Amino acid sequence: MRSRSWLRRIAHDEACGKAAALRSGVRAAHARHVVILDGDGQNDPAYIPAMLAELERGDGRVGLVNSVRVGRKDTTFKRIQSRIANRVRRAILKDVTRDSVSGMKAFPRDVFLALPFFDGLHRFMPALVRREGLELRQVDVIDRPRQHGRTHYGLWNRLWVGILDLAGVWWLIRREKRVARPIEEPRGR
């Protein structure tokens, strides 16, 4: 970080989970657009320019550019779990993403901060961004083998909380019927 004086390190005084870390980082960011990626080395930062270009091409209509892992390097069991979870999520939330939990995402900072916060938010960002009336774009990325750390997510420690989160997001989406878009009225009316 010494060679990049513009970087700031944000930390919590105790571990609060990925969603809390993302929220703190996005709140501390100054840029209009934010890109998040996992620190295990599976996400190749070389795809960041393509993701940001999709945001720019969206001209304010795109709320999220989600990476879609191609050639996943996870175990067969983990890939099967993910495939089932993606199908269930798509069926219930009418979500169009092929890989909602891929760790690399690009989005406008203000869009993220407007989303309802809960632990696990990062898994449901595509559905919640669409709830806000914004478009979702996807960029295929080559998945690399994990270079650091180990996964903290398994079948049993994510299944039940994932089902509860899915029910909560389904409820939120059903509650929002219309997205109000404020229009500034001309002065003197």
Protein backbone atom coordinates (compact mmCIF):
# COMPACT_ATOMS: atom_id res chain seq x y z
CA MET A 1 0.00 0.00 0.00
CA ARG A 2 2.95 2.31 0.46
CA SER A 3 3.42 2.57 -3.30
CA ARG A 4 -0.26 3.46 -3.70
CA SER A 5 -0.80 6.35 -1.33
CA TRP A 6 -4.36 6.82 -2.60
CA LEU A 7 -5.41 3.47 -1.10
CA ARG A 8 -7.00 3.41 2.33
CA ARG A 9 -7.43 0.36 4.53
CA ILE A 10 -10.79 0.03 6.26
CA ALA A 11 -11.12 -2.54 9.07
CA HIS A 12 -13.66 -3.50 11.71
CA ASP A 13 -12.79 -3.88 15.36
CA GLU A 14 -14.37 -7.36 15.22
CA ALA A 15 -15.40 -9.77 12.45
CA CYS A 16 -18.93 -8.97 11.27
CA GLY A 17 -19.12 -10.89 7.98
CA LYS A 18 -18.75 -10.17 4.29
CA ALA A 19 -21.86 -8.02 3.89
CA ALA A 20 -20.81 -5.69 6.72
CA ALA A 21 -17.30 -5.43 5.27
CA LEU A 22 -18.68 -4.56 1.83
CA ARG A 23 -21.01 -1.96 3.30
CA SER A 24 -18.18 -0.29 5.24
CA GLY A 25 -15.93 -0.29 2.18
CA VAL A 26 -18.60 1.14 -0.11
CA ARG A 27 -19.52 3.81 2.44
CA ALA A 28 -15.86 4.83 2.67
CA ALA A 29 -15.42 4.94 -1.12
CA HIS A 30 -15.36 8.29 -2.89
CA ALA A 31 -15.82 7.09 -6.47
CA ARG A 32 -19.13 7.09 -8.30
CA HIS A 33 -18.69 3.42 -9.26
CA VAL A 34 -17.41 0.60 -7.06
CA VAL A 35 -16.03 -2.79 -8.00
CA ILE A 36 -15.86 -5.54 -5.41
CA LEU A 37 -13.92 -8.78 -5.67
CA ASP A 38 -12.98 -11.56 -3.33
CA GLY A 39 -9.49 -11.61 -1.83
CA ASP A 40 -8.84 -15.29 -2.51
CA GLY A 41 -7.37 -14.67 -5.97
CA GLN A 42 -10.15 -16.41 -7.90
CA ASN A 43 -11.36 -13.10 -9.37
CA ASP A 44 -9.07 -11.72 -12.07
CA PRO A 45 -8.96 -7.90 -11.85
CA ALA A 46 -8.24 -7.78 -15.60
CA TYR A 47 -12.03 -7.90 -16.13
CA ILE A 48 -12.67 -4.69 -14.18
CA PRO A 49 -12.39 -2.35 -17.23
CA ALA A 50 -14.99 -4.42 -19.15
CA MET A 51 -17.35 -4.33 -16.18
CA LEU A 52 -16.99 -0.56 -15.75
CA ALA A 53 -17.53 -0.09 -19.49
CA GLU A 54 -20.87 -1.95 -19.17
CA LEU A 55 -21.89 0.45 -16.39
CA GLU A 56 -20.97 3.45 -18.53
CA ARG A 57 -22.80 2.07 -21.60
CA GLY A 58 -25.88 1.68 -19.40
CA ASP A 59 -26.18 5.47 -19.14
CA GLY A 60 -27.63 5.36 -15.61
CA ARG A 61 -30.04 2.49 -16.32
CA VAL A 62 -27.64 -0.24 -15.16
CA GLY A 63 -27.51 -0.85 -11.42
CA LEU A 64 -25.19 -3.85 -11.40
CA VAL A 65 -22.68 -5.60 -13.60
CA ASN A 66 -22.30 -9.12 -12.29
CA SER A 67 -19.46 -11.44 -13.23
CA VAL A 68 -20.34 -14.96 -14.33
CA ARG A 69 -17.66 -17.53 -13.57
CA VAL A 70 -16.72 -19.68 -16.55
CA GLY A 71 -14.70 -22.85 -15.95
CA ARG A 72 -15.24 -22.86 -12.17
CA LYS A 73 -12.37 -24.26 -10.15
CA ASP A 74 -14.48 -25.39 -7.18
CA THR A 75 -15.17 -29.01 -6.28
CA THR A 76 -17.89 -30.90 -8.13
CA PHE A 77 -20.05 -30.92 -4.99
CA LYS A 78 -19.74 -27.13 -4.61
CA ARG A 79 -20.62 -26.58 -8.29
CA ILE A 80 -23.72 -28.79 -7.93
CA GLN A 81 -24.79 -26.88 -4.80
CA SER A 82 -24.35 -23.61 -6.65
CA ARG A 83 -26.27 -24.81 -9.70
CA ILE A 84 -29.22 -25.91 -7.54
CA ALA A 85 -29.18 -22.67 -5.50
CA ASN A 86 -29.09 -20.54 -8.67
CA ARG A 87 -32.06 -22.42 -10.16
CA VAL A 88 -34.12 -22.14 -6.99
CA ARG A 89 -33.29 -18.44 -6.63
CA ARG A 90 -34.17 -17.74 -10.29
CA ALA A 91 -37.49 -19.58 -9.98
CA ILE A 92 -38.54 -17.76 -6.80
CA LEU A 93 -37.14 -14.28 -7.42
CA LYS A 94 -37.51 -14.23 -11.22
CA ASP A 95 -33.85 -13.25 -11.19
CA VAL A 96 -32.09 -13.34 -14.56
CA THR A 97 -28.49 -13.75 -13.41
CA ARG A 98 -26.63 -16.98 -14.09
CA ASP A 99 -24.26 -16.64 -11.10
CA SER A 100 -25.54 -14.41 -8.31
CA VAL A 101 -22.80 -15.25 -5.80
CA SER A 102 -19.83 -14.60 -8.05
CA GLY A 103 -17.55 -12.38 -6.00
CA MET A 104 -16.80 -9.70 -8.60
CA LYS A 105 -19.48 -7.05 -9.10
CA ALA A 106 -19.50 -3.45 -10.35
CA PHE A 107 -22.19 -0.96 -9.41
CA PRO A 108 -22.90 2.69 -8.77
CA ARG A 109 -22.04 3.48 -5.16
CA ASP A 110 -25.39 5.17 -4.49
CA VAL A 111 -27.32 2.13 -5.77
CA PHE A 112 -25.58 -0.17 -3.29
CA LEU A 113 -26.15 2.21 -0.39
CA ALA A 114 -29.87 2.42 -1.23
CA LEU A 115 -30.33 -1.36 -0.97
CA PRO A 116 -31.78 -2.81 2.24
CA PHE A 117 -28.89 -4.05 4.34
CA PHE A 118 -28.77 -7.55 5.81
CA ASP A 119 -26.16 -10.23 6.27
CA GLY A 120 -25.96 -12.04 2.94
CA LEU A 121 -26.97 -9.00 0.87
CA HIS A 122 -24.18 -9.70 -1.66
CA ARG A 123 -25.90 -12.96 -2.70
CA PHE A 124 -29.12 -11.18 -3.63
CA MET A 125 -27.81 -8.00 -5.22
CA PRO A 126 -29.05 -8.88 -8.74
CA ALA A 127 -32.65 -9.34 -7.55
CA LEU A 128 -32.56 -6.27 -5.29
CA VAL A 129 -31.09 -4.05 -8.02
CA ARG A 130 -33.86 -5.16 -10.39
CA ARG A 131 -36.36 -4.37 -7.61
CA GLU A 132 -35.06 -0.80 -7.79
CA GLY A 133 -36.05 -0.68 -11.47
CA LEU A 134 -32.48 -0.89 -12.75
CA GLU A 135 -30.93 -3.18 -15.33
CA LEU A 136 -28.50 -5.99 -14.68
CA ARG A 137 -25.62 -6.75 -17.02
CA GLN A 138 -23.36 -9.79 -16.93
CA VAL A 139 -19.73 -10.29 -17.97
CA ASP A 140 -18.23 -13.75 -18.36
CA VAL A 141 -14.96 -14.11 -16.44
CA ILE A 142 -12.51 -16.99 -16.29
CA ASP A 143 -12.50 -18.48 -12.81
CA ARG A 144 -9.05 -19.09 -11.38
CA PRO A 145 -8.01 -21.56 -8.70
CA ARG A 146 -8.19 -20.19 -5.16
CA GLN A 147 -4.77 -18.71 -4.33
CA HIS A 148 -5.37 -17.68 -0.69
CA GLY A 149 -7.47 -18.80 2.24
CA ARG A 150 -10.34 -21.25 2.24
CA THR A 151 -14.06 -21.01 1.68
CA HIS A 152 -16.20 -20.22 4.71
CA TYR A 153 -19.40 -21.36 3.02
CA GLY A 154 -20.64 -24.92 2.96
CA LEU A 155 -23.93 -26.72 2.56
CA TRP A 156 -24.96 -26.84 6.21
CA ASN A 157 -23.79 -23.43 7.35
CA ARG A 158 -25.56 -21.67 4.43
CA LEU A 159 -28.62 -23.80 3.67
CA TRP A 160 -31.05 -22.69 6.39
CA VAL A 161 -29.98 -19.06 6.56
CA GLY A 162 -30.02 -18.99 2.75
CA ILE A 163 -33.60 -20.23 2.71
CA LEU A 164 -34.62 -17.55 5.23
CA ASP A 165 -32.79 -14.84 3.25
CA LEU A 166 -34.48 -16.03 0.05
CA ALA A 167 -37.90 -15.79 1.72
CA GLY A 168 -37.08 -12.30 3.01
CA VAL A 169 -35.91 -11.04 -0.39
CA TRP A 170 -38.96 -12.61 -2.06
CA TRP A 171 -41.15 -10.69 0.41
CA LEU A 172 -39.27 -7.43 -0.25
CA ILE A 173 -39.64 -7.80 -4.01
CA ARG A 174 -43.37 -8.51 -3.71
CA ARG A 175 -43.86 -5.45 -1.47
CA GLU A 176 -42.38 -3.00 -3.99
CA LYS A 177 -44.91 -2.49 -6.75
CA ARG A 178 -43.64 0.67 -8.44
CA VAL A 179 -40.36 2.52 -8.47
CA ALA A 180 -40.88 6.26 -8.11
CA ARG A 181 -38.48 8.27 -10.26
CA PRO A 182 -38.31 11.86 -9.05
CA ILE A 183 -38.43 14.50 -11.77
CA GLU A 184 -37.35 18.02 -10.97
CA GLU A 185 -40.05 20.48 -11.93
CA PRO A 186 -39.04 23.66 -13.77
CA ARG A 187 -38.79 26.72 -11.53
CA GLY A 188 -41.63 29.21 -11.43
CA ARG A 189 -44.50 26.77 -11.64
